[in-house]
Amino acid sequence: MKYIPRWMESKLSEALGSNPVVVLTGPRQVGKSTLLEQAGLFKDWRYLTLDDADALEQAQEDPKGLLAEDKPTIIDEVQRCPELLLTVKYLVDKTKRQRKFVLSGSGNVSLRKAPRESLAGRARYLHLTGFGFREFQGLSAQGIFEKVWNKKEIKAADVGSHEDIIPDFSNEKSGIMQAAWRGCLPGVVLAGNQKIALERMSSYVDTYIQRDIQDLLKIRHPQHFRRLMELLAKATGWESVQEELAGSCGETRTNVSRYMSLLKDTNVLYELKGYSTKGERAYKQAKYFWFDSGVASFLSGVHSPQEIKKDNVKGKYFENFVFQQILSWASLQMIAPELHYWKPKNGVAEVDFVIRSSDRVVGVEVKSSKELAFGDTRSMREFLKTHPEAGPGIIVYAGDKVYPIATNIYAVPVTVF
């Protein structure tokens, strides 16, 4: 299978230029190992994976011998042997920061904590997501949102039918909702047909529960954990109350809280708090989104692109699809921006995403329709009126034109977002 270059390659190259160690994390199956094995950047590097039983045994028993060869080295699945990080630190210091390492593994608690304790001041931390929509098309990361974020001019344009730039999916092409149903996991996106895609989604969820989660916390009733995941998937983008979730999945509130922390720590579930400025009365209750719209739709029982197109279903998974595009963009930033939503207590307005850094704020609304009207800008207009520090506003939709739909508000197709 032909390797599809990842946007993260340029960030890795940049990070290695000024740091002896780069730690690359991310959920299982987002393509970390494929990138490290096949990207041209690493063609002269030594590749080790601790999924190899022999390499793992040597890492545990003879770490200096394993890393004796003096060349830049990739250590994949490094979380399997945290003690190896002490040897990495020793070799970096011994060579006066000339020896280069890339450490990679699933974004779980053990991997995130151990390197920071052992490699303080020596490592840069990067996070890989699944494919961005534009990334899969072989396009640059410089989409419309990047221009908005950098305060560049947005020009009206006809970008062509979104059907024209959706990947073929082996003649099962059915528009942007097909992409939302498949999500961003490379193995699912590249699956030859819907049956294989569905099988890979199922395998991903089962492997995640049986391997990643059980490695971190012994769960007495895995079926309750699975049920919690399903409930959260069905409530994608909604405020979720832990007491209600506990009653529905058969667990205590304490366990639900622990399980949700695990989902967040392993980077498959993201918590967004309400955005507000000083003195503003706005909701703060958390909303939750999945790192991948395909996994979310699968867990909620939406097992075909036809089902995801239903009016009572498509909105929230299209919104989650846009969220994963924001995650993909955010992973490339030098300083990760904060992600929020906005919902004032004194009205019916709501903005799906508010992206904030120290010097800028951008609101993003999501509409799954192919056409927009001025009335669709009501919430964004209220947000911009209440927050003069923000702007411009963006409404991401399933259409095919970039254009100003109201003062300081732009309609943007998801395909060029």
Protein backbone atom coordinates (compact mmCIF):
# COMPACT_ATOMS: atom_id res chain seq x y z
CA MET A 1 0.00 0.00 0.00
CA LYS A 2 1.39 3.39 -0.99
CA TYR A 3 2.45 5.57 1.93
CA ILE A 4 0.51 8.82 2.23
CA PRO A 5 2.79 11.59 3.58
CA ARG A 6 1.66 13.08 6.89
CA TRP A 7 1.55 16.74 7.84
CA MET A 8 3.38 15.84 11.05
CA GLU A 9 6.58 15.08 9.13
CA SER A 10 7.53 18.76 8.93
CA LYS A 11 6.89 19.22 12.65
CA LEU A 12 9.07 16.20 13.46
CA SER A 13 11.88 17.55 11.30
CA GLU A 14 11.62 20.97 12.92
CA ALA A 15 11.55 19.48 16.45
CA LEU A 16 14.59 17.28 15.80
CA GLY A 17 16.53 20.31 14.63
CA SER A 18 16.54 21.73 18.15
CA ASN A 19 15.87 18.76 20.44
CA PRO A 20 17.76 15.48 20.92
CA VAL A 21 14.54 13.59 21.73
CA VAL A 22 11.05 13.83 20.26
CA VAL A 23 8.16 11.98 21.90
CA LEU A 24 5.32 11.21 19.47
CA THR A 25 2.05 10.18 21.06
CA GLY A 26 -1.46 9.60 19.77
CA PRO A 27 -4.31 7.12 19.95
CA ARG A 28 -3.82 3.59 18.72
CA GLN A 29 -3.88 3.08 14.93
CA VAL A 30 -3.61 6.72 13.87
CA GLY A 31 -0.47 5.87 11.86
CA LYS A 32 2.46 6.54 14.20
CA SER A 33 4.39 3.38 13.32
CA THR A 34 3.72 3.72 9.58
CA LEU A 35 4.98 7.31 9.61
CA LEU A 36 8.16 6.41 11.51
CA GLU A 37 8.90 3.39 9.32
CA GLN A 38 8.16 4.93 5.92
CA ALA A 39 8.67 8.70 6.00
CA GLY A 40 11.74 9.78 4.03
CA LEU A 41 12.88 11.82 7.01
CA PHE A 42 13.80 8.59 8.81
CA LYS A 43 15.30 6.56 5.95
CA ASP A 44 18.72 6.38 7.67
CA TRP A 45 17.40 5.84 11.18
CA ARG A 46 17.41 2.59 13.12
CA TYR A 47 13.87 1.41 13.89
CA LEU A 48 13.08 -0.64 17.01
CA THR A 49 9.66 -1.66 18.26
CA LEU A 50 9.04 -3.04 21.71
CA ASP A 51 6.16 -5.03 20.26
CA ASP A 52 9.02 -7.34 19.26
CA ALA A 53 9.40 -9.76 22.18
CA ASP A 54 13.17 -10.07 21.71
CA ALA A 55 13.69 -6.30 21.61
CA LEU A 56 11.49 -5.89 24.68
CA GLU A 57 13.46 -8.51 26.60
CA GLN A 58 16.75 -6.81 25.76
CA ALA A 59 15.33 -3.40 26.67
CA GLN A 60 14.50 -4.80 30.10
CA GLU A 61 17.69 -6.82 30.63
CA ASP A 62 20.38 -5.04 28.58
CA PRO A 63 19.20 -1.54 27.59
CA LYS A 64 22.70 -0.18 26.86
CA GLY A 65 23.38 -3.11 24.56
CA LEU A 66 20.13 -2.56 22.71
CA LEU A 67 21.05 1.07 22.04
CA ALA A 68 24.81 0.58 21.61
CA GLU A 69 24.76 1.36 17.87
CA ASP A 70 25.61 5.05 17.58
CA LYS A 71 22.99 6.24 15.10
CA PRO A 72 19.67 8.07 15.32
CA THR A 73 17.10 5.64 16.69
CA ILE A 74 13.34 5.25 16.72
CA ILE A 75 11.86 3.31 19.64
CA ASP A 76 8.23 2.45 18.99
CA GLU A 77 5.79 1.28 21.70
CA VAL A 78 8.27 2.65 24.25
CA GLN A 79 5.64 2.65 26.98
CA ARG A 80 6.20 -1.11 27.31
CA CYS A 81 9.53 -0.45 29.01
CA PRO A 82 9.64 2.95 30.76
CA GLU A 83 13.01 2.03 32.32
CA LEU A 84 14.59 2.34 28.87
CA LEU A 85 14.14 6.10 29.11
CA LEU A 86 16.94 6.29 31.67
CA THR A 87 19.34 4.82 29.10
CA VAL A 88 18.09 7.27 26.46
CA LYS A 89 18.75 10.11 28.87
CA TYR A 90 22.24 8.75 29.61
CA LEU A 91 23.15 8.50 25.91
CA VAL A 92 21.81 11.97 25.12
CA ASP A 93 23.86 13.49 27.92
CA LYS A 94 26.96 11.39 27.13
CA THR A 95 26.99 12.62 23.52
CA LYS A 96 26.28 16.21 24.57
CA ARG A 97 22.81 16.08 22.95
CA GLN A 98 24.17 14.86 19.60
CA ARG A 99 22.46 11.45 19.71
CA LYS A 100 18.91 11.67 18.36
CA PHE A 101 15.89 9.61 19.42
CA VAL A 102 12.22 9.49 18.50
CA LEU A 103 10.08 7.73 21.10
CA SER A 104 6.58 6.70 20.17
CA GLY A 105 3.60 4.91 21.61
CA SER A 106 -0.09 5.06 22.36
CA GLY A 107 -1.13 8.24 24.14
CA ASN A 108 -1.69 6.71 27.54
CA VAL A 109 -0.83 7.68 31.08
CA SER A 110 2.35 5.62 31.39
CA LEU A 111 3.89 7.05 28.20
CA ARG A 112 3.01 10.66 28.99
CA LYS A 113 4.28 10.65 32.57
CA ALA A 114 7.48 8.62 32.30
CA PRO A 115 9.28 10.66 29.59
CA ARG A 116 8.61 13.95 31.36
CA GLU A 117 10.21 12.62 34.54
CA SER A 118 13.27 11.19 32.76
CA LEU A 119 13.78 13.56 29.84
CA ALA A 120 13.06 17.00 31.28
CA GLY A 121 14.72 19.66 29.15
CA ARG A 122 15.71 17.15 26.48
CA ALA A 123 12.46 16.27 24.71
CA ARG A 124 9.79 17.89 22.54
CA TYR A 125 6.32 16.36 22.69
CA LEU A 126 4.16 16.01 19.57
CA HIS A 127 0.73 14.48 19.15
CA LEU A 128 -0.43 12.65 16.03
CA THR A 129 -4.11 12.50 15.12
CA GLY A 130 -5.72 10.45 12.38
CA PHE A 131 -5.89 11.83 8.86
CA GLY A 132 -7.10 15.36 8.38
CA PHE A 133 -9.53 15.47 5.46
CA ARG A 134 -7.22 17.70 3.42
CA GLU A 135 -4.22 15.63 4.49
CA PHE A 136 -5.70 12.49 2.95
CA GLN A 137 -6.24 14.38 -0.29
CA GLY A 138 -2.52 15.19 -0.44
CA LEU A 139 -3.26 18.89 0.16
CA SER A 140 -1.31 21.23 2.42
CA ALA A 141 -2.27 22.10 5.97
CA GLN A 142 -2.86 25.70 4.83
CA GLY A 143 -6.66 25.55 4.66
CA ILE A 144 -9.12 28.37 5.22
CA PHE A 145 -8.95 28.08 8.99
CA GLU A 146 -5.18 28.52 8.95
CA LYS A 147 -5.72 31.80 7.05
CA VAL A 148 -8.35 32.95 9.52
CA TRP A 149 -6.14 32.07 12.47
CA ASN A 150 -3.26 34.07 11.00
CA LYS A 151 -5.57 37.00 10.22
CA LYS A 152 -5.19 36.75 6.47
CA GLU A 153 -7.81 37.86 3.95
CA ILE A 154 -10.49 35.35 2.96
CA LYS A 155 -11.64 35.56 -0.63
CA ALA A 156 -14.94 34.30 -1.97
CA ALA A 157 -14.48 31.27 -4.21
CA ASP A 158 -16.28 28.37 -5.81
CA VAL A 159 -14.26 25.37 -4.68
CA GLY A 160 -16.11 22.87 -6.85
CA SER A 161 -18.57 20.22 -5.80
CA HIS A 162 -17.47 18.49 -2.62
CA GLU A 163 -18.34 15.22 -4.39
CA ASP A 164 -15.43 15.87 -6.77
CA ILE A 165 -12.76 15.83 -4.08
CA ILE A 166 -14.08 13.11 -1.79
CA PRO A 167 -11.83 10.02 -1.97
CA ASP A 168 -13.24 7.29 -4.20
CA PHE A 169 -13.50 4.61 -1.46
CA SER A 170 -13.47 1.90 -4.17
CA ASN A 171 -16.59 3.12 -5.99
CA GLU A 172 -18.64 3.47 -2.81
CA LYS A 173 -18.46 7.26 -3.03
CA SER A 174 -21.41 8.90 -1.35
CA GLY A 175 -20.29 12.37 -0.38
CA ILE A 176 -19.01 14.08 2.71
CA MET A 177 -21.10 11.98 5.10
CA GLN A 178 -19.26 8.89 3.85
CA ALA A 179 -16.07 10.58 5.02
CA ALA A 180 -17.67 11.44 8.36
CA TRP A 181 -18.82 7.83 8.78
CA ARG A 182 -15.34 6.47 8.07
CA GLY A 183 -13.59 9.03 10.24
CA CYS A 184 -9.83 9.49 10.35
CA LEU A 185 -8.18 6.17 11.24
CA PRO A 186 -5.94 5.31 8.26
CA GLY A 187 -6.89 1.63 8.27
CA VAL A 188 -10.58 2.51 8.08
CA VAL A 189 -10.18 5.35 5.57
CA LEU A 190 -8.15 3.09 3.26
CA ALA A 191 -10.39 0.02 3.63
CA GLY A 192 -11.47 -1.36 0.24
CA ASN A 193 -15.18 -1.42 1.04
CA GLN A 194 -17.68 -0.66 3.78
CA LYS A 195 -17.64 -4.20 5.19
CA ILE A 196 -13.89 -4.08 5.78
CA ALA A 197 -14.18 -0.56 7.20
CA LEU A 198 -16.82 -1.75 9.67
CA GLU A 199 -14.72 -4.76 10.69
CA ARG A 200 -11.75 -2.50 11.37
CA MET A 201 -13.84 -0.13 13.47
CA SER A 202 -15.05 -3.08 15.54
CA SER A 203 -11.51 -4.40 15.90
CA TYR A 204 -10.28 -0.99 17.01
CA VAL A 205 -12.87 -0.70 19.79
CA ASP A 206 -12.29 -4.26 21.02
CA THR A 207 -8.51 -3.87 20.99
CA TYR A 208 -8.71 -0.55 22.79
CA ILE A 209 -10.79 -2.03 25.62
CA GLN A 210 -8.89 -5.32 25.86
CA ARG A 211 -5.37 -3.94 25.52
CA ASP A 212 -4.97 -0.23 26.23
CA ILE A 213 -7.54 0.13 28.98
CA GLN A 214 -6.82 -3.15 30.75
CA ASP A 215 -3.10 -2.27 30.75
CA LEU A 216 -3.92 0.90 32.67
CA LEU A 217 -6.74 -0.18 34.95
CA LYS A 218 -8.24 -3.59 35.65
CA ILE A 219 -11.91 -3.07 34.91
CA ARG A 220 -14.15 -5.54 36.71
CA HIS A 221 -17.04 -5.23 34.26
CA PRO A 222 -15.72 -4.43 30.75
CA GLN A 223 -19.30 -4.55 29.43
CA HIS A 224 -20.16 -1.55 31.61
CA PHE A 225 -17.17 0.34 30.22
CA ARG A 226 -18.30 -0.51 26.69
CA ARG A 227 -21.81 0.68 27.53
CA LEU A 228 -20.41 3.99 28.83
CA MET A 229 -18.52 4.47 25.56
CA GLU A 230 -21.72 3.84 23.62
CA LEU A 231 -23.68 6.34 25.71
CA LEU A 232 -21.01 9.00 25.26
CA ALA A 233 -20.93 8.33 21.52
CA LYS A 234 -24.69 8.79 21.26
CA ALA A 235 -24.35 12.05 23.22
CA THR A 236 -21.50 13.40 21.08
CA GLY A 237 -21.45 17.19 21.35
CA TRP A 238 -24.01 17.30 24.15
CA GLU A 239 -23.63 18.16 27.82
CA SER A 240 -23.22 14.89 29.73
CA VAL A 241 -24.05 14.44 33.42
CA GLN A 242 -22.05 11.71 35.17
CA GLU A 243 -24.91 10.76 37.50
CA GLU A 244 -27.14 10.04 34.51
CA LEU A 245 -24.39 8.12 32.72
CA ALA A 246 -23.78 6.02 35.84
CA GLY A 247 -27.44 5.04 36.07
CA SER A 248 -27.58 4.08 32.40
CA CYS A 249 -24.40 1.97 32.26
CA GLY A 250 -24.76 0.20 35.61
CA GLU A 251 -21.69 1.69 37.29
CA THR A 252 -21.14 3.96 40.27
CA ARG A 253 -20.57 7.65 39.66
CA THR A 254 -17.02 7.22 41.00
CA ASN A 255 -16.26 4.54 38.43
CA VAL A 256 -17.82 6.56 35.63
CA SER A 257 -15.57 9.46 36.58
CA ARG A 258 -12.51 7.15 36.54
CA TYR A 259 -13.48 5.61 33.21
CA MET A 260 -14.04 8.99 31.59
CA SER A 261 -10.63 10.11 32.84
CA LEU A 262 -9.14 7.05 31.13
CA LEU A 263 -10.89 7.88 27.88
CA LYS A 264 -9.46 11.40 28.05
CA ASP A 265 -5.98 10.27 29.12
CA THR A 266 -5.79 7.91 26.15
CA ASN A 267 -6.78 10.75 23.81
CA VAL A 268 -9.96 9.17 22.44
CA LEU A 269 -12.39 11.47 24.25
CA TYR A 270 -12.08 15.26 24.51
CA GLU A 271 -13.76 17.48 27.06
CA LEU A 272 -14.79 20.99 26.06
CA LYS A 273 -15.79 23.52 28.71
CA GLY A 274 -17.93 26.56 28.08
CA TYR A 275 -16.19 29.77 27.00
CA SER A 276 -16.79 33.01 28.85
CA THR A 277 -15.10 36.28 29.70
CA LYS A 278 -15.05 37.99 33.07
CA GLY A 279 -18.54 38.68 34.38
CA GLU A 280 -20.30 36.77 31.58
CA ARG A 281 -23.04 34.30 32.50
CA ALA A 282 -22.45 31.28 30.29
CA TYR A 283 -22.68 27.53 30.66
CA LYS A 284 -19.53 25.76 31.89
CA GLN A 285 -20.80 22.19 31.92
CA ALA A 286 -18.57 19.89 29.87
CA LYS A 287 -19.36 18.62 26.40
CA TYR A 288 -17.57 15.61 24.96
CA PHE A 289 -16.31 14.82 21.47
CA TRP A 290 -14.51 11.76 20.13
CA PHE A 291 -11.15 11.97 18.42
CA ASP A 292 -12.76 10.21 15.46
CA SER A 293 -16.27 10.54 14.02
CA GLY A 294 -16.05 7.00 12.62
CA VAL A 295 -15.44 5.43 16.02
CA ALA A 296 -18.19 7.60 17.54
CA SER A 297 -20.74 6.61 14.89
CA PHE A 298 -19.79 2.92 15.20
CA LEU A 299 -20.19 2.94 18.98
CA SER A 300 -23.59 4.60 18.68
CA GLY A 301 -24.82 1.85 16.35
CA VAL A 302 -24.58 3.79 13.09
CA HIS A 303 -23.09 1.05 10.95
CA SER A 304 -23.44 2.44 7.44
CA PRO A 305 -23.09 5.76 5.59
CA GLN A 306 -26.78 5.54 4.76
CA GLU A 307 -27.69 5.61 8.46
CA ILE A 308 -25.44 8.59 9.21
CA LYS A 309 -27.31 10.65 6.59
CA LYS A 310 -30.56 10.53 8.55
CA ASP A 311 -31.73 13.96 9.68
CA ASN A 312 -31.76 13.03 13.38
CA VAL A 313 -28.24 11.59 13.19
CA LYS A 314 -26.02 13.43 10.71
CA GLY A 315 -25.70 16.75 12.54
CA LYS A 316 -23.74 15.53 15.55
CA TYR A 317 -21.36 13.26 13.62
CA PHE A 318 -20.74 15.92 10.99
CA GLU A 319 -19.95 18.23 13.92
CA ASN A 320 -17.57 15.61 15.34
CA PHE A 321 -15.99 15.28 11.88
CA VAL A 322 -15.29 19.03 11.89
CA PHE A 323 -13.94 18.72 15.44
CA GLN A 324 -11.39 16.14 14.30
CA GLN A 325 -10.25 18.55 11.56
CA ILE A 326 -9.70 21.16 14.28
CA LEU A 327 -7.73 18.60 16.31
CA SER A 328 -5.58 17.80 13.29
CA TRP A 329 -4.84 21.49 12.77
CA ALA A 330 -4.20 22.10 16.47
CA SER A 331 -1.64 19.27 16.63
CA LEU A 332 0.58 21.24 14.24
CA GLN A 333 0.67 24.43 16.28
CA MET A 334 3.70 25.45 18.31
CA ILE A 335 1.47 26.16 21.31
CA ALA A 336 -1.73 24.15 21.48
CA PRO A 337 -4.81 26.41 21.52
CA GLU A 338 -7.66 25.92 23.96
CA LEU A 339 -10.91 24.43 22.62
CA HIS A 340 -14.27 25.49 24.06
CA TYR A 341 -17.91 25.92 23.12
CA TRP A 342 -20.09 28.97 23.88
CA LYS A 343 -23.61 28.96 25.27
CA PRO A 344 -24.89 32.01 27.19
CA LYS A 345 -27.42 31.48 29.96
CA ASN A 346 -29.64 34.35 28.88
CA GLY A 347 -30.51 33.20 25.35
CA VAL A 348 -30.79 30.39 22.81
CA ALA A 349 -27.55 31.14 20.95
CA GLU A 350 -24.75 28.59 20.85
CA VAL A 351 -21.42 28.39 19.02
CA ASP A 352 -20.09 24.87 18.58
CA PHE A 353 -16.37 25.60 18.90
CA VAL A 354 -14.34 28.49 20.24
CA ILE A 355 -10.61 28.23 19.55
CA ARG A 356 -8.55 30.46 21.81
CA SER A 357 -4.91 31.37 22.30
CA SER A 358 -3.33 34.22 24.25
CA ASP A 359 -3.88 36.74 21.46
CA ARG A 360 -6.79 35.53 19.35
CA VAL A 361 -10.23 33.95 19.52
CA VAL A 362 -12.10 32.35 16.62
CA GLY A 363 -15.64 30.96 16.71
CA VAL A 364 -16.69 28.04 14.49
CA GLU A 365 -20.28 26.98 13.88
CA VAL A 366 -21.14 23.72 12.12
CA LYS A 367 -24.10 23.10 9.81
CA SER A 368 -24.55 19.79 8.00
CA SER A 369 -26.70 21.33 5.26
CA LYS A 370 -25.43 22.09 1.73
CA GLU A 371 -26.87 25.62 1.76
CA LEU A 372 -26.87 28.42 4.30
CA ALA A 373 -29.17 31.38 4.92
CA PHE A 374 -28.62 34.60 6.87
CA GLY A 375 -30.67 33.12 9.72
CA ASP A 376 -27.97 30.49 10.19
CA THR A 377 -25.62 33.24 11.40
CA ARG A 378 -27.78 34.23 14.37
CA SER A 379 -25.64 32.51 17.03
CA MET A 380 -22.38 33.65 15.50
CA ARG A 381 -23.59 37.24 15.26
CA GLU A 382 -24.53 37.14 18.95
CA PHE A 383 -21.13 35.65 19.83
CA LEU A 384 -19.21 38.32 17.93
CA LYS A 385 -21.37 41.06 19.46
CA THR A 386 -20.71 39.73 22.96
CA HIS A 387 -17.03 39.05 22.31
CA PRO A 388 -15.35 41.89 20.39
CA GLU A 389 -12.03 40.14 20.97
CA ALA A 390 -13.13 37.39 18.55
CA GLY A 391 -13.33 37.27 14.81
CA PRO A 392 -13.99 36.60 12.13
CA GLY A 393 -16.58 33.89 12.58
CA ILE A 394 -16.75 30.75 10.45
CA ILE A 395 -19.71 28.56 9.59
CA VAL A 396 -18.51 25.21 8.28
CA TYR A 397 -21.06 23.46 6.07
CA ALA A 398 -21.45 20.71 3.46
CA GLY A 399 -21.67 23.05 0.48
CA ASP A 400 -19.11 24.11 -2.11
CA LYS A 401 -18.62 27.91 -1.88
CA VAL A 402 -16.51 30.16 0.32
CA TYR A 403 -18.29 33.48 0.75
CA PRO A 404 -19.17 36.16 3.32
CA ILE A 405 -22.62 35.33 4.62
CA ALA A 406 -22.79 38.26 7.06
CA THR A 407 -20.49 41.00 8.32
CA ASN A 408 -17.28 39.36 9.54
CA ILE A 409 -18.80 35.87 9.12
CA TYR A 410 -17.80 33.43 6.37
CA ALA A 411 -19.38 30.28 5.02
CA VAL A 412 -16.66 27.65 4.53
CA PRO A 413 -17.07 24.16 3.01
CA VAL A 414 -15.63 21.44 5.24
CA THR A 415 -13.57 20.27 2.25
CA VAL A 416 -11.39 23.40 2.37
CA PHE A 417 -11.60 24.06 6.10
